C-alpha atoms as a PDB file:
ATOM      1  CA  ARG A   1      37.781  57.163 -22.208  1.00  0.00           C
ATOM      2  CA  GLU A   2      41.262  57.669 -19.949  1.00  0.00           C
ATOM      3  CA  LEU A   3      41.732  53.934 -20.400  1.00  0.00           C
ATOM      4  CA  LEU A   4      41.502  53.991 -24.415  1.00  0.00           C
ATOM      5  CA  LEU A   5      43.678  56.792 -24.691  1.00  0.00           C
ATOM      6  CA  GLN A   6      46.214  55.012 -22.565  1.00  0.00           C
ATOM      7  CA  ALA A   7      46.152  52.254 -24.929  1.00  0.00           C
ATOM      8  CA  ALA A   8      46.598  54.283 -27.654  1.00  0.00           C
ATOM      9  CA  THR A   9      50.121  54.669 -26.539  1.00  0.00           C
ATOM     10  CA  GLU A  10      51.046  51.149 -25.894  1.00  0.00           C
ATOM     11  CA  GLU A  11      53.288  49.199 -28.970  1.00  0.00           C
ATOM     12  CA  ALA A  12      50.979  46.297 -29.031  1.00  0.00           C
ATOM     13  CA  MET A  13      48.015  49.119 -29.812  1.00  0.00           C
ATOM     14  CA  SER A  14      50.086  50.847 -32.352  1.00  0.00           C
ATOM     15  CA  GLN A  15      50.964  47.011 -34.084  1.00  0.00           C
ATOM     16  CA  ASP A  16      47.669  46.067 -33.943  1.00  0.00           C
ATOM     17  CA  GLN A  17      46.266  48.752 -35.612  1.00  0.00           C
ATOM     18  CA  ASP A  18      49.097  48.889 -38.343  1.00  0.00           C
ATOM     19  CA  GLU A  19      47.778  45.048 -39.072  1.00  0.00           C
ATOM     20  CA  ILE A  20      44.281  46.138 -39.389  1.00  0.00           C
ATOM     21  CA  PHE A  21      45.204  48.518 -41.873  1.00  0.00           C
ATOM     22  CA  GLU A  22      47.585  46.436 -43.564  1.00  0.00           C
ATOM     23  CA  GLN A  23      44.610  43.464 -43.634  1.00  0.00           C
ATOM     24  CA  HIS A  24      41.516  45.434 -44.853  1.00  0.00           C
ATOM     25  CA  PHE A  25      43.044  48.855 -46.339  1.00  0.00           C
ATOM     26  CA  HIS A  26      46.823  48.441 -47.900  1.00  0.00           C
ATOM     27  CA  ARG A  27      46.814  44.827 -49.371  1.00  0.00           C
ATOM     28  CA  PRO A  28      43.369  45.138 -50.854  1.00  0.00           C
ATOM     29  CA  VAL A  29      43.960  48.359 -52.473  1.00  0.00           C
ATOM     30  CA  LEU A  30      47.397  47.223 -54.120  1.00  0.00           C
ATOM     31  CA  ASP A  31      45.250  44.278 -55.226  1.00  0.00           C
ATOM     32  CA  ARG A  32      42.948  46.033 -56.434  1.00  0.00           C
ATOM     33  CA  ALA A  33      45.017  48.747 -58.353  1.00  0.00           C
ATOM     34  CA  ARG A  34      46.734  45.504 -60.068  1.00  0.00           C
ATOM     35  CA  GLN A  35      43.617  44.099 -61.310  1.00  0.00           C
ATOM     36  CA  LEU A  36      42.619  47.490 -62.557  1.00  0.00           C
ATOM     37  CA  GLY A  37      45.658  48.281 -64.163  1.00  0.00           C
ATOM     38  CA  ILE A  38      46.329  51.453 -61.980  1.00  0.00           C
ATOM     39  CA  ARG A  39      49.793  52.520 -61.630  1.00  0.00           C
ATOM     40  CA  THR A  40      50.125  56.103 -60.547  1.00  0.00           C
ATOM     41  CA  ALA A  41      50.553  57.301 -56.681  1.00  0.00           C
ATOM     42  CA  LEU A  42      47.401  59.322 -57.302  1.00  0.00           C
ATOM     43  CA  GLY A  43      45.205  56.131 -58.776  1.00  0.00           C
ATOM     44  CA  LEU A  44      45.985  54.745 -55.333  1.00  0.00           C
ATOM     45  CA  ALA A  45      45.035  57.633 -53.475  1.00  0.00           C
ATOM     46  CA  CYS A  46      41.292  57.358 -55.668  1.00  0.00           C
ATOM     47  CA  LEU A  47      41.373  54.055 -54.546  1.00  0.00           C
ATOM     48  CA  TYR A  48      42.447  53.742 -50.920  1.00  0.00           C
ATOM     49  CA  ASP A  49      40.034  56.915 -50.184  1.00  0.00           C
ATOM     50  CA  THR A  50      37.149  55.446 -51.677  1.00  0.00           C
ATOM     51  CA  ARG A  51      37.994  51.897 -50.164  1.00  0.00           C
ATOM     52  CA  ILE A  52      37.964  53.956 -46.913  1.00  0.00           C
ATOM     53  CA  GLN A  53      34.086  54.871 -47.494  1.00  0.00           C
ATOM     54  CA  GLY A  54      33.921  51.266 -48.239  1.00  0.00           C
ATOM     55  CA  VAL A  55      32.694  51.372 -52.047  1.00  0.00           C
ATOM     56  CA  LEU A  56      35.730  50.339 -53.894  1.00  0.00           C
ATOM     57  CA  ASP A  57      34.059  47.667 -55.687  1.00  0.00           C
ATOM     58  CA  ILE A  58      30.983  49.283 -56.519  1.00  0.00           C
ATOM     59  CA  VAL A  59      32.310  52.267 -57.692  1.00  0.00           C
ATOM     60  CA  ALA A  60      34.913  50.259 -60.144  1.00  0.00           C
ATOM     61  CA  GLN A  61      31.837  48.302 -60.743  1.00  0.00           C
ATOM     62  CA  ALA A  62      30.445  50.960 -62.269  1.00  0.00           C
ATOM     63  CA  VAL A  63      33.272  52.290 -63.889  1.00  0.00           C
ATOM     64  CA  GLN A  64      33.268  48.887 -66.134  1.00  0.00           C
ATOM     65  CA  GLU A  65      29.837  49.545 -66.669  1.00  0.00           C
ATOM     66  CA  ARG A  66      30.342  53.202 -68.002  1.00  0.00           C
ATOM     67  CA  LEU A  67      33.342  52.238 -70.156  1.00  0.00           C
ATOM     68  CA  GLY A  68      32.925  48.698 -70.966  1.00  0.00           C
ATOM     69  CA  VAL A  69      36.367  47.850 -69.532  1.00  0.00           C
ATOM     70  CA  THR A  70      37.634  46.019 -66.695  1.00  0.00           C
ATOM     71  CA  ALA A  71      41.270  47.604 -66.524  1.00  0.00           C
ATOM     72  CA  VAL A  72      43.092  50.721 -67.334  1.00  0.00           C
ATOM     73  CA  GLY A  73      44.613  49.770 -70.660  1.00  0.00           C
ATOM     74  CA  GLN A  74      42.211  48.073 -72.465  1.00  0.00           C
ATOM     75  CA  SER A  75      40.700  49.071 -75.340  1.00  0.00           C
ATOM     76  CA  GLY A  76      36.388  49.287 -75.285  1.00  0.00           C
ATOM     77  CA  PRO A  77      33.710  51.036 -76.379  1.00  0.00           C
ATOM     78  CA  SER A  78      34.694  54.066 -75.032  1.00  0.00           C
ATOM     79  CA  GLY A  79      37.991  53.610 -76.385  1.00  0.00           C
ATOM     80  CA  VAL A  80      39.442  54.394 -72.732  1.00  0.00           C
ATOM     81  CA  GLY A  81      42.962  53.189 -72.906  1.00  0.00           C
ATOM     82  CA  ASP A  82      44.796  55.486 -69.997  1.00  0.00           C
ATOM     83  CA  GLU A  83      44.721  56.130 -66.533  1.00  0.00           C
ATOM     84  CA  PRO A  84      43.474  59.747 -66.355  1.00  0.00           C
ATOM     85  CA  THR A  85      40.391  58.750 -68.450  1.00  0.00           C
ATOM     86  CA  TRP A  86      39.788  56.017 -66.285  1.00  0.00           C
ATOM     87  CA  LEU A  87      40.434  57.884 -63.094  1.00  0.00           C
ATOM     88  CA  ARG A  88      38.073  60.895 -64.675  1.00  0.00           C
ATOM     89  CA  THR A  89      34.895  58.243 -64.959  1.00  0.00           C
ATOM     90  CA  PHE A  90      35.770  57.101 -60.794  1.00  0.00           C
ATOM     91  CA  LEU A  91      35.568  60.170 -59.596  1.00  0.00           C
ATOM     92  CA  GLY A  92      32.621  61.046 -61.391  1.00  0.00           C
ATOM     93  CA  GLU A  93      31.018  57.659 -61.027  1.00  0.00           C
ATOM     94  CA  ARG A  94      32.287  57.683 -56.949  1.00  0.00           C
ATOM     95  CA  GLU A  95      30.800  61.255 -56.494  1.00  0.00           C
ATOM     96  CA  ALA A  96      27.594  60.519 -58.465  1.00  0.00           C
ATOM     97  CA  TRP A  97      27.216  57.351 -55.705  1.00  0.00           C
ATOM     98  CA  LEU A  98      27.886  59.893 -52.765  1.00  0.00           C
ATOM     99  CA  ASN A  99      25.174  62.255 -53.873  1.00  0.00           C
ATOM    100  CA  ARG A 100      22.279  59.717 -54.509  1.00  0.00           C
ATOM    101  CA  PRO A 101      21.544  59.042 -50.797  1.00  0.00           C
ATOM    102  CA  ALA A 102      21.670  62.565 -50.376  1.00  0.00           C
ATOM    103  CA  ASP A 103      19.105  63.133 -53.038  1.00  0.00           C
ATOM    104  CA  ARG A 104      16.834  60.863 -51.263  1.00  0.00           C
ATOM    105  CA  ARG A 105      16.956  62.587 -48.158  1.00  0.00           C
ATOM    106  CA  GLU A 106      16.382  65.580 -49.636  1.00  0.00           C
ATOM    107  CA  ALA A 107      13.464  64.094 -51.327  1.00  0.00           C
ATOM    108  CA  GLU A 108      12.158  63.105 -47.947  1.00  0.00           C
ATOM    109  CA  ASN A 109      12.171  66.562 -47.092  1.00  0.00           C
ATOM    110  CA  LYS A 110      15.658  66.371 -44.934  1.00  0.00           C
ATOM    111  CA  PRO A 111      17.664  68.766 -45.930  1.00  0.00           C
ATOM    112  CA  VAL A 112      20.007  68.254 -42.815  1.00  0.00           C
ATOM    113  CA  ASP A 113      20.552  64.961 -43.565  1.00  0.00           C
ATOM    114  CA  ALA A 114      21.280  65.087 -47.281  1.00  0.00           C
ATOM    115  CA  GLN A 115      24.049  68.081 -46.437  1.00  0.00           C
ATOM    116  CA  PHE A 116      25.755  66.228 -43.898  1.00  0.00           C
ATOM    117  CA  LEU A 117      25.953  63.079 -46.636  1.00  0.00           C
ATOM    118  CA  ARG A 118      26.864  65.558 -49.004  1.00  0.00           C
ATOM    119  CA  THR A 119      30.563  66.887 -47.058  1.00  0.00           C
ATOM    120  CA  SER A 120      32.563  64.158 -48.194  1.00  0.00           C
ATOM    121  CA  THR A 121      32.221  65.022 -51.611  1.00  0.00           C
ATOM    122  CA  PHE A 122      35.055  67.366 -50.870  1.00  0.00           C
ATOM    123  CA  ARG A 123      37.016  64.556 -51.013  1.00  0.00           C
ATOM    124  CA  VAL A 124      36.455  63.469 -54.681  1.00  0.00           C
ATOM    125  CA  ARG A 125      36.628  67.542 -55.868  1.00  0.00           C
ATOM    126  CA  GLU A 126      40.346  67.321 -54.310  1.00  0.00           C
ATOM    127  CA  LEU A 127      41.567  64.587 -55.582  1.00  0.00           C
ATOM    128  CA  ARG A 128      39.444  65.447 -59.179  1.00  0.00           C
ATOM    129  CA  GLN A 129      41.962  69.007 -58.786  1.00  0.00           C
ATOM    130  CA  LEU A 130      45.042  66.932 -58.572  1.00  0.00           C
ATOM    131  CA  LEU A 131      44.175  64.700 -62.008  1.00  0.00           C
ATOM    132  CA  GLN A 132      43.124  67.866 -63.742  1.00  0.00           C
ATOM    133  CA  ALA A 133      46.538  69.293 -62.959  1.00  0.00           C
ATOM    134  CA  GLY A 134      48.064  66.217 -64.255  1.00  0.00           C
ATOM    135  CA  ASN A 135      50.085  65.464 -60.832  1.00  0.00           C
ATOM    136  CA  LEU A 136      49.473  62.003 -61.121  1.00  0.00           C
ATOM    137  CA  ASN A 137      52.336  60.859 -59.147  1.00  0.00           C
ATOM    138  CA  LEU A 138      51.936  63.602 -57.136  1.00  0.00           C
ATOM    139  CA  VAL A 139      55.476  65.050 -57.419  1.00  0.00           C
ATOM    140  CA  GLY A 140      56.397  68.457 -55.809  1.00  0.00           C
ATOM    141  CA  GLU A 141      54.462  70.357 -53.505  1.00  0.00           C
ATOM    142  CA  PHE A 142      51.098  70.497 -53.757  1.00  0.00           C
ATOM    143  CA  THR A 143      47.622  72.231 -52.291  1.00  0.00           C
ATOM    144  CA  VAL A 144      44.884  69.977 -50.833  1.00  0.00           C
ATOM    145  CA  ARG A 145      41.992  71.679 -48.542  1.00  0.00           C
ATOM    146  CA  GLY A 146      44.251  74.670 -48.392  1.00  0.00           C
ATOM    147  CA  GLN A 147      47.033  73.132 -47.263  1.00  0.00           C
ATOM    148  CA  ARG A 148      50.451  72.573 -48.391  1.00  0.00           C
ATOM    149  CA  VAL A 149      51.694  69.163 -49.094  1.00  0.00           C
ATOM    150  CA  GLN A 150      54.973  67.860 -50.067  1.00  0.00           C
ATOM    151  CA  GLY A 151      54.984  65.109 -52.278  1.00  0.00           C
ATOM    152  CA  VAL A 152      57.482  62.271 -53.592  1.00  0.00           C
END
């Protein structure tokens, strides 16, 4: 443990961590955002947070199936064309995806496991509050989980 803590302070470790972040999270999210037509800071935050949980492509596919469009700005059967509508659907699909394994655990009479799985839905709720407030560019001061955050 001490060796890991010591390594964490080394420049080489920091650089390696930054490169892993860049390769596995930052670049893939920016590429996916371009494909999906996501342009806002909140939209990027939604995609990034979902990528961290490893289900970005699954949730984006569910949105495509729900809305009948492959990207923001397209019109489909749902008539979606704006980013807020797409993000609302995305967050709904993500929350549903997070709840499915919890529902299975409850059906298996494992309520502690179910509650543990449901804990990460707070992330969706926080993002949804920012969306409902219309703060798509994360401008000014806003609150996340009771903490004041200074946006751009």
